[in-house]
Structures are given as structure tokens and as C-alpha cells.
Amino acid sequence: LAGITNDSSMAVSPVFWSLLGIGIACNAYNASQIPNS
């Protein structure tokens, strides 16, 4: 949402992509714990 009016920047974008990676890792882990997820 903030990206609508703000740019990608070395100041904050690495944090975003890290959180995105953590989110995907957590999703994959949680999906592995739920049959047929």
C-alpha cells in the first residue's frame, strides 16, 4: 500500500523482501502441518 506513493529504496526494500521471504517460509511450514492444505 505504501508503495503506491513511495519508491523502492535500499533503506526499506530489503526489509520488505525479507519479510516476504519469511512469510513464504512460514506458509510452507504451516501448509506442511495441515493435510491436503
PDB file of all heavy atoms in Angstrom:
ATOM      1  N   LEU A   1       0.834  -1.203   0.000  1.00  0.00           N
ATOM      2  CA  LEU A   1       0.000   0.000   0.000  1.00  0.00           C
ATOM      3  C   LEU A   1       0.874   1.261   0.000  1.00  0.00           C
ATOM      4  O   LEU A   1       0.608   2.210  -0.736  1.00  0.00           O
ATOM      5  CB  LEU A   1      -0.923  -0.007   1.217  1.00  0.00           C
ATOM      6  CG  LEU A   1      -2.010  -1.095   1.225  1.00  0.00           C
ATOM      7  CD1 LEU A   1      -2.731  -1.114   2.570  1.00  0.00           C
ATOM      8  CD2 LEU A   1      -3.006  -0.873   0.090  1.00  0.00           C
ATOM      9  N   ALA A   2       1.913   1.251   0.824  1.00  0.00           N
ATOM     10  CA  ALA A   2       2.822   2.407   0.867  1.00  0.00           C
ATOM     11  C   ALA A   2       3.528   2.593  -0.464  1.00  0.00           C
ATOM     12  O   ALA A   2       3.886   3.713  -0.841  1.00  0.00           O
ATOM     13  CB  ALA A   2       3.846   2.229   1.988  1.00  0.00           C
ATOM     14  N   GLY A   3       3.722   1.493  -1.206  1.00  0.00           N
ATOM     15  CA  GLY A   3       4.400   1.544  -2.488  1.00  0.00           C
ATOM     16  C   GLY A   3       3.644   2.296  -3.557  1.00  0.00           C
ATOM     17  O   GLY A   3       4.217   2.654  -4.591  1.00  0.00           O
ATOM     18  N   ILE A   4       2.370   2.573  -3.317  1.00  0.00           N
ATOM     19  CA  ILE A   4       1.601   3.359  -4.284  1.00  0.00           C
ATOM     20  C   ILE A   4       2.163   4.763  -4.393  1.00  0.00           C
ATOM     21  O   ILE A   4       2.225   5.346  -5.478  1.00  0.00           O
ATOM     22  CB  ILE A   4       0.113   3.406  -3.874  1.00  0.00           C
ATOM     23  CG1 ILE A   4      -0.492   1.994  -3.912  1.00  0.00           C
ATOM     24  CG2 ILE A   4      -0.672   4.349  -4.785  1.00  0.00           C
ATOM     25  CD1 ILE A   4      -1.893   1.919  -3.347  1.00  0.00           C
ATOM     26  N   THR A   5       2.617   5.314  -3.266  1.00  0.00           N
ATOM     27  CA  THR A   5       3.119   6.689  -3.256  1.00  0.00           C
ATOM     28  C   THR A   5       4.584   6.801  -2.853  1.00  0.00           C
ATOM     29  O   THR A   5       5.091   7.903  -2.691  1.00  0.00           O
ATOM     30  CB  THR A   5       2.287   7.560  -2.289  1.00  0.00           C
ATOM     31  OG1 THR A   5       2.384   7.005  -0.970  1.00  0.00           O
ATOM     32  CG2 THR A   5       0.829   7.602  -2.705  1.00  0.00           C
ATOM     33  N   ASN A   6       5.266   5.664  -2.695  1.00  0.00           N
ATOM     34  CA  ASN A   6       6.677   5.680  -2.323  1.00  0.00           C
ATOM     35  C   ASN A   6       7.453   4.710  -3.202  1.00  0.00           C
ATOM     36  O   ASN A   6       6.913   3.723  -3.701  1.00  0.00           O
ATOM     37  CB  ASN A   6       6.855   5.295  -0.854  1.00  0.00           C
ATOM     38  CG  ASN A   6       6.361   6.370   0.091  1.00  0.00           C
ATOM     39  OD1 ASN A   6       7.035   7.358   0.344  1.00  0.00           O
ATOM     40  ND2 ASN A   6       5.157   6.183   0.613  1.00  0.00           N
ATOM     41  N   ASP A   7       8.749   4.977  -3.335  1.00  0.00           N
ATOM     42  CA  ASP A   7       9.598   4.167  -4.205  1.00  0.00           C
ATOM     43  C   ASP A   7      10.231   3.016  -3.444  1.00  0.00           C
ATOM     44  O   ASP A   7      10.256   2.980  -2.213  1.00  0.00           O
ATOM     45  CB  ASP A   7      10.725   5.033  -4.780  1.00  0.00           C
ATOM     46  CG  ASP A   7      10.225   6.338  -5.326  1.00  0.00           C
ATOM     47  OD1 ASP A   7       9.773   6.343  -6.470  1.00  0.00           O
ATOM     48  OD2 ASP A   7      10.268   7.346  -4.602  1.00  0.00           O
ATOM     49  N   SER A   8      10.781   2.107  -4.212  1.00  0.00           N
ATOM     50  CA  SER A   8      11.674   1.110  -3.638  1.00  0.00           C
ATOM     51  C   SER A   8      12.978   1.820  -3.279  1.00  0.00           C
ATOM     52  O   SER A   8      13.432   2.705  -3.998  1.00  0.00           O
ATOM     53  CB  SER A   8      11.942  -0.006  -4.652  1.00  0.00           C
ATOM     54  OG  SER A   8      12.883  -0.928  -4.156  1.00  0.00           O
ATOM     55  N   SER A   9      13.573   1.439  -2.170  1.00  0.00           N
ATOM     56  CA  SER A   9      14.805   2.090  -1.715  1.00  0.00           C
ATOM     57  C   SER A   9      15.632   1.108  -0.893  1.00  0.00           C
ATOM     58  O   SER A   9      15.084   0.243  -0.199  1.00  0.00           O
ATOM     59  CB  SER A   9      14.472   3.315  -0.858  1.00  0.00           C
ATOM     60  OG  SER A   9      15.622   3.815  -0.203  1.00  0.00           O
ATOM     61  N   MET A  10      16.949   1.266  -0.964  1.00  0.00           N
ATOM     62  CA  MET A  10      17.840   0.439  -0.145  1.00  0.00           C
ATOM     63  C   MET A  10      17.554   0.602   1.340  1.00  0.00           C
ATOM     64  O   MET A  10      17.914  -0.249   2.138  1.00  0.00           O
ATOM     65  CB  MET A  10      19.304   0.818  -0.411  1.00  0.00           C
ATOM     66  CG  MET A  10      19.966   0.110  -1.579  1.00  0.00           C
ATOM     67  SD  MET A  10      19.824  -1.681  -1.568  1.00  0.00           S
ATOM     68  CE  MET A  10      20.455  -2.094   0.034  1.00  0.00           C
ATOM     69  N   ALA A  11      16.911   1.683   1.708  1.00  0.00           N
ATOM     70  CA  ALA A  11      16.638   1.945   3.118  1.00  0.00           C
ATOM     71  C   ALA A  11      15.595   0.988   3.682  1.00  0.00           C
ATOM     72  O   ALA A  11      15.652   0.633   4.866  1.00  0.00           O
ATOM     73  CB  ALA A  11      16.187   3.389   3.309  1.00  0.00           C
ATOM     74  N   VAL A  12      14.601   0.580   2.863  1.00  0.00           N
ATOM     75  CA  VAL A  12      13.481  -0.199   3.383  1.00  0.00           C
ATOM     76  C   VAL A  12      13.160  -1.462   2.586  1.00  0.00           C
ATOM     77  O   VAL A  12      12.611  -2.422   3.148  1.00  0.00           O
ATOM     78  CB  VAL A  12      12.203   0.663   3.483  1.00  0.00           C
ATOM     79  CG1 VAL A  12      12.335   1.717   4.566  1.00  0.00           C
ATOM     80  CG2 VAL A  12      11.882   1.324   2.143  1.00  0.00           C
ATOM     81  N   SER A  13      13.477  -1.490   1.301  1.00  0.00           N
ATOM     82  CA  SER A  13      13.085  -2.631   0.475  1.00  0.00           C
ATOM     83  C   SER A  13      13.698  -3.958   0.911  1.00  0.00           C
ATOM     84  O   SER A  13      13.018  -4.991   0.855  1.00  0.00           O
ATOM     85  CB  SER A  13      13.418  -2.356  -0.998  1.00  0.00           C
ATOM     86  OG  SER A  13      12.579  -1.331  -1.498  1.00  0.00           O
ATOM     87  N   PRO A  14      14.967  -4.005   1.361  1.00  0.00           N
ATOM     88  CA  PRO A  14      15.485  -5.282   1.854  1.00  0.00           C
ATOM     89  C   PRO A  14      14.670  -5.844   3.017  1.00  0.00           C
ATOM     90  O   PRO A  14      14.528  -7.065   3.147  1.00  0.00           O
ATOM     91  CB  PRO A  14      16.909  -4.921   2.303  1.00  0.00           C
ATOM     92  CG  PRO A  14      17.289  -3.767   1.431  1.00  0.00           C
ATOM     93  CD  PRO A  14      16.032  -2.966   1.299  1.00  0.00           C
ATOM     94  N   VAL A  15      14.116  -4.955   3.849  1.00  0.00           N
ATOM     95  CA  VAL A  15      13.268  -5.405   4.953  1.00  0.00           C
ATOM     96  C   VAL A  15      11.985  -6.021   4.400  1.00  0.00           C
ATOM     97  O   VAL A  15      11.541  -7.088   4.850  1.00  0.00           O
ATOM     98  CB  VAL A  15      12.932  -4.234   5.903  1.00  0.00           C
ATOM     99  CG1 VAL A  15      11.939  -4.680   6.984  1.00  0.00           C
ATOM    100  CG2 VAL A  15      14.206  -3.698   6.543  1.00  0.00           C
ATOM    101  N   PHE A  16      11.384  -5.367   3.397  1.00  0.00           N
ATOM    102  CA  PHE A  16      10.168  -5.904   2.782  1.00  0.00           C
ATOM    103  C   PHE A  16      10.409  -7.287   2.198  1.00  0.00           C
ATOM    104  O   PHE A  16       9.642  -8.225   2.445  1.00  0.00           O
ATOM    105  CB  PHE A  16       9.677  -4.955   1.693  1.00  0.00           C
ATOM    106  CG  PHE A  16       8.688  -5.588   0.736  1.00  0.00           C
ATOM    107  CD1 PHE A  16       7.408  -5.900   1.152  1.00  0.00           C
ATOM    108  CD2 PHE A  16       9.065  -5.881  -0.574  1.00  0.00           C
ATOM    109  CE1 PHE A  16       6.500  -6.499   0.275  1.00  0.00           C
ATOM    110  CE2 PHE A  16       8.165  -6.473  -1.459  1.00  0.00           C
ATOM    111  CZ  PHE A  16       6.880  -6.790  -1.027  1.00  0.00           C
ATOM    112  N   TRP A  17      11.459  -7.420   1.389  1.00  0.00           N
ATOM    113  CA  TRP A  17      11.705  -8.706   0.738  1.00  0.00           C
ATOM    114  C   TRP A  17      12.057  -9.789   1.746  1.00  0.00           C
ATOM    115  O   TRP A  17      11.721 -10.974   1.540  1.00  0.00           O
ATOM    116  CB  TRP A  17      12.802  -8.555  -0.310  1.00  0.00           C
ATOM    117  CG  TRP A  17      12.343  -7.810  -1.524  1.00  0.00           C
ATOM    118  CD1 TRP A  17      12.473  -6.478  -1.781  1.00  0.00           C
ATOM    119  CD2 TRP A  17      11.642  -8.354  -2.651  1.00  0.00           C
ATOM    120  NE1 TRP A  17      11.903  -6.143  -2.992  1.00  0.00           N
ATOM    121  CE2 TRP A  17      11.382  -7.272  -3.545  1.00  0.00           C
ATOM    122  CE3 TRP A  17      11.209  -9.626  -2.999  1.00  0.00           C
ATOM    123  CZ2 TRP A  17      10.725  -7.452  -4.757  1.00  0.00           C
ATOM    124  CZ3 TRP A  17      10.542  -9.801  -4.209  1.00  0.00           C
ATOM    125  CH2 TRP A  17      10.312  -8.741  -5.060  1.00  0.00           C
ATOM    126  N   SER A  18      12.705  -9.425   2.832  1.00  0.00           N
ATOM    127  CA  SER A  18      12.995 -10.396   3.897  1.00  0.00           C
ATOM    128  C   SER A  18      11.711 -10.863   4.565  1.00  0.00           C
ATOM    129  O   SER A  18      11.518 -12.062   4.808  1.00  0.00           O
ATOM    130  CB  SER A  18      13.940  -9.784   4.930  1.00  0.00           C
ATOM    131  OG  SER A  18      15.189  -9.463   4.366  1.00  0.00           O
ATOM    132  N   LEU A  19      10.826  -9.919   4.876  1.00  0.00           N
ATOM    133  CA  LEU A  19       9.549 -10.283   5.479  1.00  0.00           C
ATOM    134  C   LEU A  19       8.711 -11.125   4.520  1.00  0.00           C
ATOM    135  O   LEU A  19       7.993 -12.045   4.941  1.00  0.00           O
ATOM    136  CB  LEU A  19       8.780  -9.024   5.886  1.00  0.00           C
ATOM    137  CG  LEU A  19       9.365  -8.235   7.067  1.00  0.00           C
ATOM    138  CD1 LEU A  19       8.616  -6.923   7.261  1.00  0.00           C
ATOM    139  CD2 LEU A  19       9.328  -9.066   8.343  1.00  0.00           C
ATOM    140  N   LEU A  20       8.800 -10.822   3.239  1.00  0.00           N
ATOM    141  CA  LEU A  20       8.098 -11.610   2.239  1.00  0.00           C
ATOM    142  C   LEU A  20       8.638 -13.046   2.221  1.00  0.00           C
ATOM    143  O   LEU A  20       7.866 -14.016   2.162  1.00  0.00           O
ATOM    144  CB  LEU A  20       8.277 -10.954   0.867  1.00  0.00           C
ATOM    145  CG  LEU A  20       7.433 -11.455  -0.304  1.00  0.00           C
ATOM    146  CD1 LEU A  20       5.954 -11.431   0.028  1.00  0.00           C
ATOM    147  CD2 LEU A  20       7.712 -10.605  -1.538  1.00  0.00           C
ATOM    148  N   GLY A  21       9.961 -13.172   2.286  1.00  0.00           N
ATOM    149  CA  GLY A  21      10.572 -14.498   2.331  1.00  0.00           C
ATOM    150  C   GLY A  21      10.200 -15.252   3.593  1.00  0.00           C
ATOM    151  O   GLY A  21       9.913 -16.466   3.560  1.00  0.00           O
ATOM    152  N   ILE A  22      10.201 -14.549   4.729  1.00  0.00           N
ATOM    153  CA  ILE A  22       9.803 -15.182   5.993  1.00  0.00           C
ATOM    154  C   ILE A  22       8.350 -15.636   5.908  1.00  0.00           C
ATOM    155  O   ILE A  22       7.992 -16.732   6.370  1.00  0.00           O
ATOM    156  CB  ILE A  22       9.995 -14.197   7.165  1.00  0.00           C
ATOM    157  CG1 ILE A  22      11.485 -13.936   7.395  1.00  0.00           C
ATOM    158  CG2 ILE A  22       9.355 -14.739   8.446  1.00  0.00           C
ATOM    159  CD1 ILE A  22      11.763 -12.783   8.337  1.00  0.00           C
ATOM    160  N   GLY A  23       7.503 -14.795   5.324  1.00  0.00           N
ATOM    161  CA  GLY A  23       6.099 -15.153   5.170  1.00  0.00           C
ATOM    162  C   GLY A  23       5.913 -16.403   4.343  1.00  0.00           C
ATOM    163  O   GLY A  23       5.107 -17.290   4.691  1.00  0.00           O
ATOM    164  N   ILE A  24       6.650 -16.525   3.244  1.00  0.00           N
ATOM    165  CA  ILE A  24       6.549 -17.707   2.389  1.00  0.00           C
ATOM    166  C   ILE A  24       7.094 -18.942   3.107  1.00  0.00           C
ATOM    167  O   ILE A  24       6.514 -20.037   3.015  1.00  0.00           O
ATOM    168  CB  ILE A  24       7.280 -17.461   1.062  1.00  0.00           C
ATOM    169  CG1 ILE A  24       6.487 -16.452   0.225  1.00  0.00           C
ATOM    170  CG2 ILE A  24       7.481 -18.757   0.283  1.00  0.00           C
ATOM    171  CD1 ILE A  24       7.182 -15.992  -1.024  1.00  0.00           C
ATOM    172  N   ALA A  25       8.193 -18.772   3.845  1.00  0.00           N
ATOM    173  CA  ALA A  25       8.741 -19.888   4.608  1.00  0.00           C
ATOM    174  C   ALA A  25       7.742 -20.370   5.661  1.00  0.00           C
ATOM    175  O   ALA A  25       7.555 -21.584   5.854  1.00  0.00           O
ATOM    176  CB  ALA A  25      10.052 -19.471   5.279  1.00  0.00           C
ATOM    177  N   CYS A  26       7.093 -19.431   6.338  1.00  0.00           N
ATOM    178  CA  CYS A  26       6.089 -19.792   7.337  1.00  0.00           C
ATOM    179  C   CYS A  26       4.884 -20.462   6.680  1.00  0.00           C
ATOM    180  O   CYS A  26       4.334 -21.442   7.221  1.00  0.00           O
ATOM    181  CB  CYS A  26       5.642 -18.550   8.115  1.00  0.00           C
ATOM    182  SG  CYS A  26       6.890 -17.877   9.233  1.00  0.00           S
ATOM    183  N   ASN A  27       4.461 -19.943   5.538  1.00  0.00           N
ATOM    184  CA  ASN A  27       3.347 -20.559   4.823  1.00  0.00           C
ATOM    185  C   ASN A  27       3.663 -22.005   4.454  1.00  0.00           C
ATOM    186  O   ASN A  27       2.835 -22.907   4.615  1.00  0.00           O
ATOM    187  CB  ASN A  27       3.031 -19.772   3.546  1.00  0.00           C
ATOM    188  CG  ASN A  27       2.221 -18.516   3.808  1.00  0.00           C
ATOM    189  OD1 ASN A  27       2.109 -18.072   4.945  1.00  0.00           O
ATOM    190  ND2 ASN A  27       1.675 -17.935   2.758  1.00  0.00           N
ATOM    191  N   ALA A  28       4.875 -22.218   3.938  1.00  0.00           N
ATOM    192  CA  ALA A  28       5.280 -23.562   3.534  1.00  0.00           C
ATOM    193  C   ALA A  28       5.317 -24.502   4.738  1.00  0.00           C
ATOM    194  O   ALA A  28       4.861 -25.653   4.660  1.00  0.00           O
ATOM    195  CB  ALA A  28       6.641 -23.512   2.850  1.00  0.00           C
ATOM    196  N   TYR A  29       5.843 -24.013   5.841  1.00  0.00           N
ATOM    197  CA  TYR A  29       5.882 -24.830   7.063  1.00  0.00           C
ATOM    198  C   TYR A  29       4.464 -25.140   7.541  1.00  0.00           C
ATOM    199  O   TYR A  29       4.135 -26.296   7.843  1.00  0.00           O
ATOM    200  CB  TYR A  29       6.655 -24.102   8.162  1.00  0.00           C
ATOM    201  CG  TYR A  29       6.687 -24.867   9.469  1.00  0.00           C
ATOM    202  CD1 TYR A  29       7.708 -25.774   9.727  1.00  0.00           C
ATOM    203  CD2 TYR A  29       5.696 -24.689  10.431  1.00  0.00           C
ATOM    204  CE1 TYR A  29       7.731 -26.491  10.918  1.00  0.00           C
ATOM    205  CE2 TYR A  29       5.704 -25.390  11.624  1.00  0.00           C
ATOM    206  CZ  TYR A  29       6.727 -26.297  11.861  1.00  0.00           C
ATOM    207  OH  TYR A  29       6.737 -27.010  13.030  1.00  0.00           O
ATOM    208  N   ASN A  30       3.626 -24.116   7.629  1.00  0.00           N
ATOM    209  CA  ASN A  30       2.265 -24.320   8.136  1.00  0.00           C
ATOM    210  C   ASN A  30       1.455 -25.219   7.209  1.00  0.00           C
ATOM    211  O   ASN A  30       0.653 -26.036   7.668  1.00  0.00           O
ATOM    212  CB  ASN A  30       1.564 -22.966   8.292  1.00  0.00           C
ATOM    213  CG  ASN A  30       2.168 -22.137   9.412  1.00  0.00           C
ATOM    214  OD1 ASN A  30       2.564 -22.660  10.442  1.00  0.00           O
ATOM    215  ND2 ASN A  30       2.268 -20.827   9.197  1.00  0.00           N
ATOM    216  N   ALA A  31       1.673 -25.088   5.894  1.00  0.00           N
ATOM    217  CA  ALA A  31       0.980 -25.962   4.940  1.00  0.00           C
ATOM    218  C   ALA A  31       1.411 -27.409   5.117  1.00  0.00           C
ATOM    219  O   ALA A  31       0.614 -28.332   4.929  1.00  0.00           O
ATOM    220  CB  ALA A  31       1.262 -25.500   3.518  1.00  0.00           C
ATOM    221  N   SER A  32       2.676 -27.620   5.506  1.00  0.00           N
ATOM    222  CA  SER A  32       3.180 -28.988   5.682  1.00  0.00           C
ATOM    223  C   SER A  32       2.578 -29.668   6.908  1.00  0.00           C
ATOM    224  O   SER A  32       2.606 -30.886   7.018  1.00  0.00           O
ATOM    225  CB  SER A  32       4.706 -28.962   5.808  1.00  0.00           C
ATOM    226  OG  SER A  32       5.101 -28.464   7.074  1.00  0.00           O
ATOM    227  N   GLN A  33       2.039 -28.857   7.812  1.00  0.00           N
ATOM    228  CA  GLN A  33       1.460 -29.413   9.028  1.00  0.00           C
ATOM    229  C   GLN A  33      -0.033 -29.717   8.881  1.00  0.00           C
ATOM    230  O   GLN A  33      -0.632 -30.321   9.764  1.00  0.00           O
ATOM    231  CB  GLN A  33       1.641 -28.425  10.191  1.00  0.00           C
ATOM    232  CG  GLN A  33       3.059 -27.943  10.396  1.00  0.00           C
ATOM    233  CD  GLN A  33       4.045 -29.072  10.600  1.00  0.00           C
ATOM    234  OE1 GLN A  33       3.876 -29.890  11.504  1.00  0.00           O
ATOM    235  NE2 GLN A  33       5.058 -29.147   9.759  1.00  0.00           N
ATOM    236  N   ILE A  34      -0.605 -29.278   7.755  1.00  0.00           N
ATOM    237  CA  ILE A  34      -2.042 -29.441   7.560  1.00  0.00           C
ATOM    238  C   ILE A  34      -2.275 -30.350   6.363  1.00  0.00           C
ATOM    239  O   ILE A  34      -1.970 -29.971   5.226  1.00  0.00           O
ATOM    240  CB  ILE A  34      -2.728 -28.084   7.308  1.00  0.00           C
ATOM    241  CG1 ILE A  34      -2.381 -27.106   8.436  1.00  0.00           C
ATOM    242  CG2 ILE A  34      -4.240 -28.256   7.189  1.00  0.00           C
ATOM    243  CD1 ILE A  34      -2.855 -25.695   8.162  1.00  0.00           C
ATOM    244  N   PRO A  35      -2.793 -31.549   6.550  1.00  0.00           N
ATOM    245  CA  PRO A  35      -3.055 -32.455   5.429  1.00  0.00           C
ATOM    246  C   PRO A  35      -3.979 -31.810   4.402  1.00  0.00           C
ATOM    247  O   PRO A  35      -4.944 -31.142   4.754  1.00  0.00           O
ATOM    248  CB  PRO A  35      -3.732 -33.661   6.096  1.00  0.00           C
ATOM    249  CG  PRO A  35      -3.308 -33.596   7.524  1.00  0.00           C
ATOM    250  CD  PRO A  35      -3.161 -32.143   7.838  1.00  0.00           C
ATOM    251  N   ASN A  36      -3.649 -32.016   3.115  1.00  0.00           N
ATOM    252  CA  ASN A  36      -4.461 -31.516   1.995  1.00  0.00           C
ATOM    253  C   ASN A  36      -4.603 -29.993   2.010  1.00  0.00           C
ATOM    254  O   ASN A  36      -5.576 -29.446   1.507  1.00  0.00           O
ATOM    255  CB  ASN A  36      -5.860 -32.149   2.001  1.00  0.00           C
ATOM    256  CG  ASN A  36      -5.788 -33.652   1.894  1.00  0.00           C
ATOM    257  OD1 ASN A  36      -4.990 -34.189   1.129  1.00  0.00           O
ATOM    258  ND2 ASN A  36      -6.606 -34.348   2.672  1.00  0.00           N
ATOM    259  N   SER A  37      -3.651 -29.293   2.640  1.00  0.00           N
ATOM    260  CA  SER A  37      -3.713 -27.830   2.663  1.00  0.00           C
ATOM    261  C   SER A  37      -3.353 -27.274   1.303  1.00  0.00           C
ATOM    262  O   SER A  37      -2.769 -27.945   0.466  1.00  0.00           O
ATOM    263  CB  SER A  37      -2.739 -27.270   3.714  1.00  0.00           C
ATOM    264  OG  SER A  37      -1.425 -27.602   3.369  1.00  0.00           O
TER     265      SER A  37
END
